[in-house]
């Protein structure tokens, strides 16, 4: 997850009519990302260890069961 929410994502704070705030937020998140030592999940030592010690191979049955999400269309009441 992105610190503070993803840029233009569903968890982003709502700012009515303040495009400059969104631009500043976007630049801050990009700056944080650029300074990270590990920027790709498949190169993250903790993710590698999780697969090696518990999940097995990527796309294994257990990995799929625990990590994949299924969405359902829901109507408002």
PDB file of N, CA and C in Angstrom:
ATOM      1  N   UNK A   1       0.838  -1.182   0.000  1.00  0.00           N
ATOM      2  CA  UNK A   1       0.000   0.000   0.000  1.00  0.00           C
ATOM      3  C   UNK A   1       0.880   1.242   0.000  1.00  0.00           C
ATOM      4  N   UNK A   2       0.382   2.259  -0.585  1.00  0.00           N
ATOM      5  CA  UNK A   2       1.121   3.526  -0.639  1.00  0.00           C
ATOM      6  C   UNK A   2       0.978   4.256   0.700  1.00  0.00           C
ATOM      7  N   UNK A   3       2.068   4.822   1.211  1.00  0.00           N
ATOM      8  CA  UNK A   3       1.942   5.623   2.429  1.00  0.00           C
ATOM      9  C   UNK A   3       0.963   6.772   2.194  1.00  0.00           C
ATOM     10  N   UNK A   4      -0.078   6.833   2.973  1.00  0.00           N
ATOM     11  CA  UNK A   4      -1.051   7.905   2.815  1.00  0.00           C
ATOM     12  C   UNK A   4      -2.059   7.677   1.710  1.00  0.00           C
ATOM     13  N   UNK A   5      -2.004   6.538   1.045  1.00  0.00           N
ATOM     14  CA  UNK A   5      -2.954   6.244  -0.032  1.00  0.00           C
ATOM     15  C   UNK A   5      -2.327   6.424  -1.399  1.00  0.00           C
ATOM     16  N   UNK A   6      -2.826   5.685  -2.360  1.00  0.00           N
ATOM     17  CA  UNK A   6      -2.296   5.752  -3.722  1.00  0.00           C
ATOM     18  C   UNK A   6      -2.750   7.034  -4.410  1.00  0.00           C
ATOM     19  N   UNK A   7      -1.943   7.502  -5.340  1.00  0.00           N
ATOM     20  CA  UNK A   7      -2.287   8.693  -6.109  1.00  0.00           C
ATOM     21  C   UNK A   7      -3.553   8.400  -6.897  1.00  0.00           C
ATOM     22  N   UNK A   8      -4.556   9.207  -6.687  1.00  0.00           N
ATOM     23  CA  UNK A   8      -5.832   9.091  -7.378  1.00  0.00           C
ATOM     24  C   UNK A   8      -6.530   7.765  -7.082  1.00  0.00           C
ATOM     25  N   UNK A   9      -6.191   7.131  -5.954  1.00  0.00           N
ATOM     26  CA  UNK A   9      -6.820   5.871  -5.571  1.00  0.00           C
ATOM     27  C   UNK A   9      -8.037   6.104  -4.692  1.00  0.00           C
ATOM     28  N   UNK A  10      -8.741   5.024  -4.423  1.00  0.00           N
ATOM     29  CA  UNK A  10      -9.970   5.109  -3.646  1.00  0.00           C
ATOM     30  C   UNK A  10      -9.761   5.572  -2.217  1.00  0.00           C
ATOM     31  N   UNK A  11      -8.569   5.356  -1.655  1.00  0.00           N
ATOM     32  CA  UNK A  11      -8.304   5.764  -0.284  1.00  0.00           C
ATOM     33  C   UNK A  11      -7.727   7.157  -0.165  1.00  0.00           C
ATOM     34  N   UNK A  12      -7.667   7.871  -1.269  1.00  0.00           N
ATOM     35  CA  UNK A  12      -7.074   9.202  -1.281  1.00  0.00           C
ATOM     36  C   UNK A  12      -8.000  10.203  -0.599  1.00  0.00           C
ATOM     37  N   UNK A  13      -7.422  11.111   0.181  1.00  0.00           N
ATOM     38  CA  UNK A  13      -8.260  12.154   0.779  1.00  0.00           C
ATOM     39  C   UNK A  13      -8.972  12.956  -0.305  1.00  0.00           C
ATOM     40  N   UNK A  14     -10.197  13.360  -0.045  1.00  0.00           N
ATOM     41  CA  UNK A  14     -11.003  14.108  -1.002  1.00  0.00           C
ATOM     42  C   UNK A  14     -10.697  15.589  -0.873  1.00  0.00           C
ATOM     43  N   UNK A  15     -10.345  16.203  -1.993  1.00  0.00           N
ATOM     44  CA  UNK A  15     -10.064  17.643  -2.026  1.00  0.00           C
ATOM     45  C   UNK A  15     -10.890  18.258  -3.138  1.00  0.00           C
ATOM     46  N   UNK A  16     -11.937  18.938  -2.784  1.00  0.00           N
ATOM     47  CA  UNK A  16     -12.827  19.537  -3.772  1.00  0.00           C
ATOM     48  C   UNK A  16     -12.196  20.791  -4.380  1.00  0.00           C
ATOM     49  N   UNK A  17     -11.898  20.711  -5.675  1.00  0.00           N
ATOM     50  CA  UNK A  17     -11.428  21.891  -6.395  1.00  0.00           C
ATOM     51  C   UNK A  17     -10.030  22.360  -6.049  1.00  0.00           C
ATOM     52  N   UNK A  18      -9.197  21.518  -5.465  1.00  0.00           N
ATOM     53  CA  UNK A  18      -7.849  21.932  -5.084  1.00  0.00           C
ATOM     54  C   UNK A  18      -6.821  21.097  -5.839  1.00  0.00           C
ATOM     55  N   UNK A  19      -6.704  21.325  -7.154  1.00  0.00           N
ATOM     56  CA  UNK A  19      -5.778  20.564  -7.990  1.00  0.00           C
ATOM     57  C   UNK A  19      -4.336  20.700  -7.551  1.00  0.00           C
ATOM     58  N   UNK A  20      -3.959  21.853  -6.988  1.00  0.00           N
ATOM     59  CA  UNK A  20      -2.573  22.036  -6.564  1.00  0.00           C
ATOM     60  C   UNK A  20      -2.220  21.108  -5.404  1.00  0.00           C
ATOM     61  N   UNK A  21      -3.183  20.809  -4.549  1.00  0.00           N
ATOM     62  CA  UNK A  21      -2.948  19.887  -3.438  1.00  0.00           C
ATOM     63  C   UNK A  21      -2.670  18.493  -3.981  1.00  0.00           C
ATOM     64  N   UNK A  22      -3.449  18.073  -4.968  1.00  0.00           N
ATOM     65  CA  UNK A  22      -3.251  16.767  -5.585  1.00  0.00           C
ATOM     66  C   UNK A  22      -1.880  16.689  -6.248  1.00  0.00           C
ATOM     67  N   UNK A  23      -1.471  17.738  -6.933  1.00  0.00           N
ATOM     68  CA  UNK A  23      -0.162  17.749  -7.590  1.00  0.00           C
ATOM     69  C   UNK A  23       0.971  17.659  -6.568  1.00  0.00           C
ATOM     70  N   UNK A  24       0.869  18.376  -5.456  1.00  0.00           N
ATOM     71  CA  UNK A  24       1.883  18.315  -4.408  1.00  0.00           C
ATOM     72  C   UNK A  24       1.938  16.931  -3.781  1.00  0.00           C
ATOM     73  N   UNK A  25       0.769  16.354  -3.549  1.00  0.00           N
ATOM     74  CA  UNK A  25       0.689  15.008  -2.976  1.00  0.00           C
ATOM     75  C   UNK A  25       1.317  13.991  -3.921  1.00  0.00           C
ATOM     76  N   UNK A  26       0.998  14.112  -5.208  1.00  0.00           N
ATOM     77  CA  UNK A  26       1.538  13.209  -6.209  1.00  0.00           C
ATOM     78  C   UNK A  26       3.071  13.298  -6.236  1.00  0.00           C
ATOM     79  N   UNK A  27       3.613  14.485  -6.230  1.00  0.00           N
ATOM     80  CA  UNK A  27       5.066  14.654  -6.259  1.00  0.00           C
ATOM     81  C   UNK A  27       5.714  14.092  -4.999  1.00  0.00           C
ATOM     82  N   UNK A  28       5.076  14.287  -3.847  1.00  0.00           N
ATOM     83  CA  UNK A  28       5.623  13.754  -2.597  1.00  0.00           C
ATOM     84  C   UNK A  28       5.688  12.230  -2.637  1.00  0.00           C
ATOM     85  N   UNK A  29       4.639  11.589  -3.147  1.00  0.00           N
ATOM     86  CA  UNK A  29       4.624  10.124  -3.213  1.00  0.00           C
ATOM     87  C   UNK A  29       5.666   9.623  -4.212  1.00  0.00           C
ATOM     88  N   UNK A  30       5.809  10.299  -5.349  1.00  0.00           N
ATOM     89  CA  UNK A  30       6.853   9.911  -6.307  1.00  0.00           C
ATOM     90  C   UNK A  30       8.241  10.073  -5.685  1.00  0.00           C
ATOM     91  N   UNK A  31       8.463  11.135  -4.915  1.00  0.00           N
ATOM     92  CA  UNK A  31       9.758  11.344  -4.263  1.00  0.00           C
ATOM     93  C   UNK A  31      10.049  10.242  -3.253  1.00  0.00           C
ATOM     94  N   UNK A  32       9.050   9.844  -2.480  1.00  0.00           N
ATOM     95  CA  UNK A  32       9.223   8.749  -1.523  1.00  0.00           C
ATOM     96  C   UNK A  32       9.619   7.481  -2.271  1.00  0.00           C
ATOM     97  N   UNK A  33       8.924   7.181  -3.357  1.00  0.00           N
ATOM     98  CA  UNK A  33       9.202   5.969  -4.131  1.00  0.00           C
ATOM     99  C   UNK A  33      10.621   5.981  -4.710  1.00  0.00           C
ATOM    100  N   UNK A  34      11.035   7.104  -5.248  1.00  0.00           N
ATOM    101  CA  UNK A  34      12.368   7.196  -5.858  1.00  0.00           C
ATOM    102  C   UNK A  34      13.484   6.923  -4.864  1.00  0.00           C
ATOM    103  N   UNK A  35      13.253   7.199  -3.594  1.00  0.00           N
ATOM    104  CA  UNK A  35      14.288   7.037  -2.578  1.00  0.00           C
ATOM    105  C   UNK A  35      14.252   5.690  -1.858  1.00  0.00           C
ATOM    106  N   UNK A  36      13.345   4.808  -2.240  1.00  0.00           N
ATOM    107  CA  UNK A  36      13.259   3.487  -1.627  1.00  0.00           C
ATOM    108  C   UNK A  36      14.377   2.583  -2.150  1.00  0.00           C
ATOM    109  N   UNK A  37      14.930   1.762  -1.277  1.00  0.00           N
ATOM    110  CA  UNK A  37      15.985   0.825  -1.682  1.00  0.00           C
ATOM    111  C   UNK A  37      15.416  -0.281  -2.564  1.00  0.00           C
ATOM    112  N   UNK A  38      14.230  -0.766  -2.236  1.00  0.00           N
ATOM    113  CA  UNK A  38      13.570  -1.812  -3.028  1.00  0.00           C
ATOM    114  C   UNK A  38      12.301  -1.207  -3.591  1.00  0.00           C
ATOM    115  N   UNK A  39      12.197  -1.184  -4.918  1.00  0.00           N
ATOM    116  CA  UNK A  39      11.061  -0.536  -5.560  1.00  0.00           C
ATOM    117  C   UNK A  39      10.180  -1.511  -6.330  1.00  0.00           C
ATOM    118  N   UNK A  40      10.542  -2.794  -6.345  1.00  0.00           N
ATOM    119  CA  UNK A  40       9.753  -3.790  -7.062  1.00  0.00           C
ATOM    120  C   UNK A  40       9.492  -4.954  -6.122  1.00  0.00           C
ATOM    121  N   UNK A  41       8.238  -5.364  -6.020  1.00  0.00           N
ATOM    122  CA  UNK A  41       7.860  -6.376  -5.032  1.00  0.00           C
ATOM    123  C   UNK A  41       8.591  -7.698  -5.235  1.00  0.00           C
ATOM    124  N   UNK A  42       8.831  -8.099  -6.484  1.00  0.00           N
ATOM    125  CA  UNK A  42       9.491  -9.386  -6.710  1.00  0.00           C
ATOM    126  C   UNK A  42      10.972  -9.367  -6.324  1.00  0.00           C
ATOM    127  N   UNK A  43      11.525  -8.194  -6.025  1.00  0.00           N
ATOM    128  CA  UNK A  43      12.911  -8.076  -5.559  1.00  0.00           C
ATOM    129  C   UNK A  43      12.990  -7.835  -4.053  1.00  0.00           C
ATOM    130  N   UNK A  44      11.863  -7.761  -3.391  1.00  0.00           N
ATOM    131  CA  UNK A  44      11.802  -7.512  -1.957  1.00  0.00           C
ATOM    132  C   UNK A  44      12.232  -8.777  -1.210  1.00  0.00           C
ATOM    133  N   UNK A  45      13.285  -8.701  -0.397  1.00  0.00           N
ATOM    134  CA  UNK A  45      13.758  -9.884   0.321  1.00  0.00           C
ATOM    135  C   UNK A  45      12.686 -10.544   1.188  1.00  0.00           C
ATOM    136  N   UNK A  46      11.785  -9.774   1.751  1.00  0.00           N
ATOM    137  CA  UNK A  46      10.731 -10.341   2.584  1.00  0.00           C
ATOM    138  C   UNK A  46       9.715 -11.123   1.741  1.00  0.00           C
ATOM    139  N   UNK A  47       9.413 -10.630   0.549  1.00  0.00           N
ATOM    140  CA  UNK A  47       8.503 -11.348  -0.345  1.00  0.00           C
ATOM    141  C   UNK A  47       9.165 -12.628  -0.839  1.00  0.00           C
ATOM    142  N   UNK A  48      10.436 -12.551  -1.178  1.00  0.00           N
ATOM    143  CA  UNK A  48      11.182 -13.733  -1.618  1.00  0.00           C
ATOM    144  C   UNK A  48      11.176 -14.793  -0.526  1.00  0.00           C
ATOM    145  N   UNK A  49      11.414 -14.383   0.711  1.00  0.00           N
ATOM    146  CA  UNK A  49      11.424 -15.319   1.836  1.00  0.00           C
ATOM    147  C   UNK A  49      10.042 -15.934   2.048  1.00  0.00           C
ATOM    148  N   UNK A  50       8.991 -15.138   1.927  1.00  0.00           N
ATOM    149  CA  UNK A  50       7.627 -15.638   2.086  1.00  0.00           C
ATOM    150  C   UNK A  50       7.332 -16.746   1.075  1.00  0.00           C
ATOM    151  N   UNK A  51       7.712 -16.530  -0.172  1.00  0.00           N
ATOM    152  CA  UNK A  51       7.496 -17.567  -1.183  1.00  0.00           C
ATOM    153  C   UNK A  51       8.358 -18.793  -0.910  1.00  0.00           C
ATOM    154  N   UNK A  52       9.620 -18.577  -0.579  1.00  0.00           N
ATOM    155  CA  UNK A  52      10.536 -19.690  -0.346  1.00  0.00           C
ATOM    156  C   UNK A  52      10.097 -20.552   0.834  1.00  0.00           C
ATOM    157  N   UNK A  53       9.666 -19.926   1.920  1.00  0.00           N
ATOM    158  CA  UNK A  53       9.365 -20.662   3.151  1.00  0.00           C
ATOM    159  C   UNK A  53       7.902 -21.073   3.304  1.00  0.00           C
ATOM    160  N   UNK A  54       6.995 -20.452   2.551  1.00  0.00           N
ATOM    161  CA  UNK A  54       5.589 -20.756   2.814  1.00  0.00           C
ATOM    162  C   UNK A  54       4.741 -20.956   1.557  1.00  0.00           C
ATOM    163  N   UNK A  55       4.802 -20.032   0.611  1.00  0.00           N
ATOM    164  CA  UNK A  55       3.888 -20.063  -0.522  1.00  0.00           C
ATOM    165  C   UNK A  55       4.333 -20.952  -1.674  1.00  0.00           C
ATOM    166  N   UNK A  56       5.625 -21.262  -1.737  1.00  0.00           N
ATOM    167  CA  UNK A  56       6.127 -22.026  -2.877  1.00  0.00           C
ATOM    168  C   UNK A  56       6.361 -21.105  -4.066  1.00  0.00           C
ATOM    169  N   UNK A  57       5.961 -21.535  -5.226  1.00  0.00           N
ATOM    170  CA  UNK A  57       6.175 -20.757  -6.445  1.00  0.00           C
ATOM    171  C   UNK A  57       5.092 -19.688  -6.615  1.00  0.00           C
ATOM    172  N   UNK A  58       5.443 -18.584  -7.303  1.00  0.00           N
ATOM    173  CA  UNK A  58       4.392 -17.626  -7.663  1.00  0.00           C
ATOM    174  C   UNK A  58       3.307 -18.345  -8.474  1.00  0.00           C
ATOM    175  N   UNK A  59       2.083 -17.976  -8.258  1.00  0.00           N
ATOM    176  CA  UNK A  59       0.901 -18.555  -8.913  1.00  0.00           C
ATOM    177  C   UNK A  59       0.585 -19.966  -8.423  1.00  0.00           C
ATOM    178  N   UNK A  60       1.235 -20.400  -7.346  1.00  0.00           N
ATOM    179  CA  UNK A  60       0.890 -21.708  -6.780  1.00  0.00           C
ATOM    180  C   UNK A  60      -0.533 -21.641  -6.242  1.00  0.00           C
ATOM    181  N   UNK A  61      -1.104 -22.800  -5.971  1.00  0.00           N
ATOM    182  CA  UNK A  61      -2.461 -22.828  -5.435  1.00  0.00           C
ATOM    183  C   UNK A  61      -2.595 -22.060  -4.137  1.00  0.00           C
ATOM    184  N   UNK A  62      -1.635 -22.239  -3.223  1.00  0.00           N
ATOM    185  CA  UNK A  62      -1.690 -21.537  -1.938  1.00  0.00           C
ATOM    186  C   UNK A  62      -1.537 -20.033  -2.129  1.00  0.00           C
ATOM    187  N   UNK A  63      -0.612 -19.618  -2.989  1.00  0.00           N
ATOM    188  CA  UNK A  63      -0.432 -18.183  -3.254  1.00  0.00           C
ATOM    189  C   UNK A  63      -1.716 -17.596  -3.831  1.00  0.00           C
ATOM    190  N   UNK A  64      -2.319 -18.313  -4.753  1.00  0.00           N
ATOM    191  CA  UNK A  64      -3.556 -17.820  -5.355  1.00  0.00           C
ATOM    192  C   UNK A  64      -4.660 -17.709  -4.296  1.00  0.00           C
ATOM    193  N   UNK A  65      -4.804 -18.730  -3.485  1.00  0.00           N
ATOM    194  CA  UNK A  65      -5.847 -18.746  -2.458  1.00  0.00           C
ATOM    195  C   UNK A  65      -5.691 -17.589  -1.468  1.00  0.00           C
ATOM    196  N   UNK A  66      -4.453 -17.304  -1.060  1.00  0.00           N
ATOM    197  CA  UNK A  66      -4.227 -16.301  -0.021  1.00  0.00           C
ATOM    198  C   UNK A  66      -4.046 -14.875  -0.547  1.00  0.00           C
ATOM    199  N   UNK A  67      -3.577 -14.728  -1.779  1.00  0.00           N
ATOM    200  CA  UNK A  67      -3.198 -13.404  -2.250  1.00  0.00           C
ATOM    201  C   UNK A  67      -4.121 -12.801  -3.297  1.00  0.00           C
ATOM    202  N   UNK A  68      -4.947 -13.608  -3.943  1.00  0.00           N
ATOM    203  CA  UNK A  68      -5.800 -13.083  -5.003  1.00  0.00           C
ATOM    204  C   UNK A  68      -7.145 -12.652  -4.433  1.00  0.00           C
ATOM    205  N   UNK A  69      -7.716 -11.660  -5.056  1.00  0.00           N
ATOM    206  CA  UNK A  69      -8.964 -11.075  -4.604  1.00  0.00           C
ATOM    207  C   UNK A  69     -10.048 -11.317  -5.646  1.00  0.00           C
ATOM    208  N   UNK A  70     -11.247 -11.482  -5.199  1.00  0.00           N
ATOM    209  CA  UNK A  70     -12.385 -11.634  -6.086  1.00  0.00           C
ATOM    210  C   UNK A  70     -13.386 -10.540  -5.759  1.00  0.00           C
ATOM    211  N   UNK A  71     -13.883  -9.885  -6.776  1.00  0.00           N
ATOM    212  CA  UNK A  71     -14.815  -8.786  -6.582  1.00  0.00           C
ATOM    213  C   UNK A  71     -16.206  -9.214  -6.993  1.00  0.00           C
ATOM    214  N   UNK A  72     -17.191  -8.668  -6.304  1.00  0.00           N
ATOM    215  CA  UNK A  72     -18.590  -8.923  -6.620  1.00  0.00           C
ATOM    216  C   UNK A  72     -19.273  -7.584  -6.839  1.00  0.00           C
ATOM    217  N   UNK A  73     -20.123  -7.539  -7.852  1.00  0.00           N
ATOM    218  CA  UNK A  73     -20.907  -6.338  -8.081  1.00  0.00           C
ATOM    219  C   UNK A  73     -21.989  -6.290  -7.016  1.00  0.00           C
ATOM    220  N   UNK A  74     -22.090  -5.167  -6.361  1.00  0.00           N
ATOM    221  CA  UNK A  74     -23.115  -5.012  -5.321  1.00  0.00           C
ATOM    222  C   UNK A  74     -23.965  -3.793  -5.663  1.00  0.00           C
ATOM    223  N   UNK A  75     -25.222  -3.914  -5.443  1.00  0.00           N
ATOM    224  CA  UNK A  75     -26.112  -2.786  -5.695  1.00  0.00           C
ATOM    225  C   UNK A  75     -26.373  -2.059  -4.388  1.00  0.00           C
ATOM    226  N   UNK A  76     -26.567  -0.778  -4.511  1.00  0.00           N
ATOM    227  CA  UNK A  76     -26.877   0.022  -3.310  1.00  0.00           C
ATOM    228  C   UNK A  76     -28.318  -0.217  -2.912  1.00  0.00           C
ATOM    229  N   UNK A  77     -28.545  -0.190  -1.633  1.00  0.00           N
ATOM    230  CA  UNK A  77     -29.917  -0.394  -1.119  1.00  0.00           C
ATOM    231  C   UNK A  77     -30.582   0.937  -0.948  1.00  0.00           C
TER     232      UNK A  77
END
